[in-house]
């Protein structure tokens, strides 16, 4: 299993997951009856755990704690600090946070990743 969608499944979420896992793109006709949510946001840039591992271990721990506690404000503040070390990494982490992809953030910040 790579992902999960809870019931009731929303069309926009389903298409986003398909796009995320298969890398497909969608072209929508100018259809005024289609809800705006059906246009899925672009997927977050890929982040490799070794990029995160270059950050100070203390910062990784604080970010992991913020994600586990759902503290978006603290997480965003920490990501601003990451930008001082690595702007592209901060942008990718910000994208994951903005999409509420806490599963991906947890995997990246897990203690099993080399630090």
Foldseek 3Di string as FASTA:
>chain_A
DPDDDDPPHDQLVVVQVCCVPVVDADDDDPDPVDDPSNHHDDAFDDDDLVVVLVDPLVLLVQLLVCLVVVPLVSNLVSLVVVCVVPVSVSRRSVRCSVVNVSVVSNVSSPPPRHD
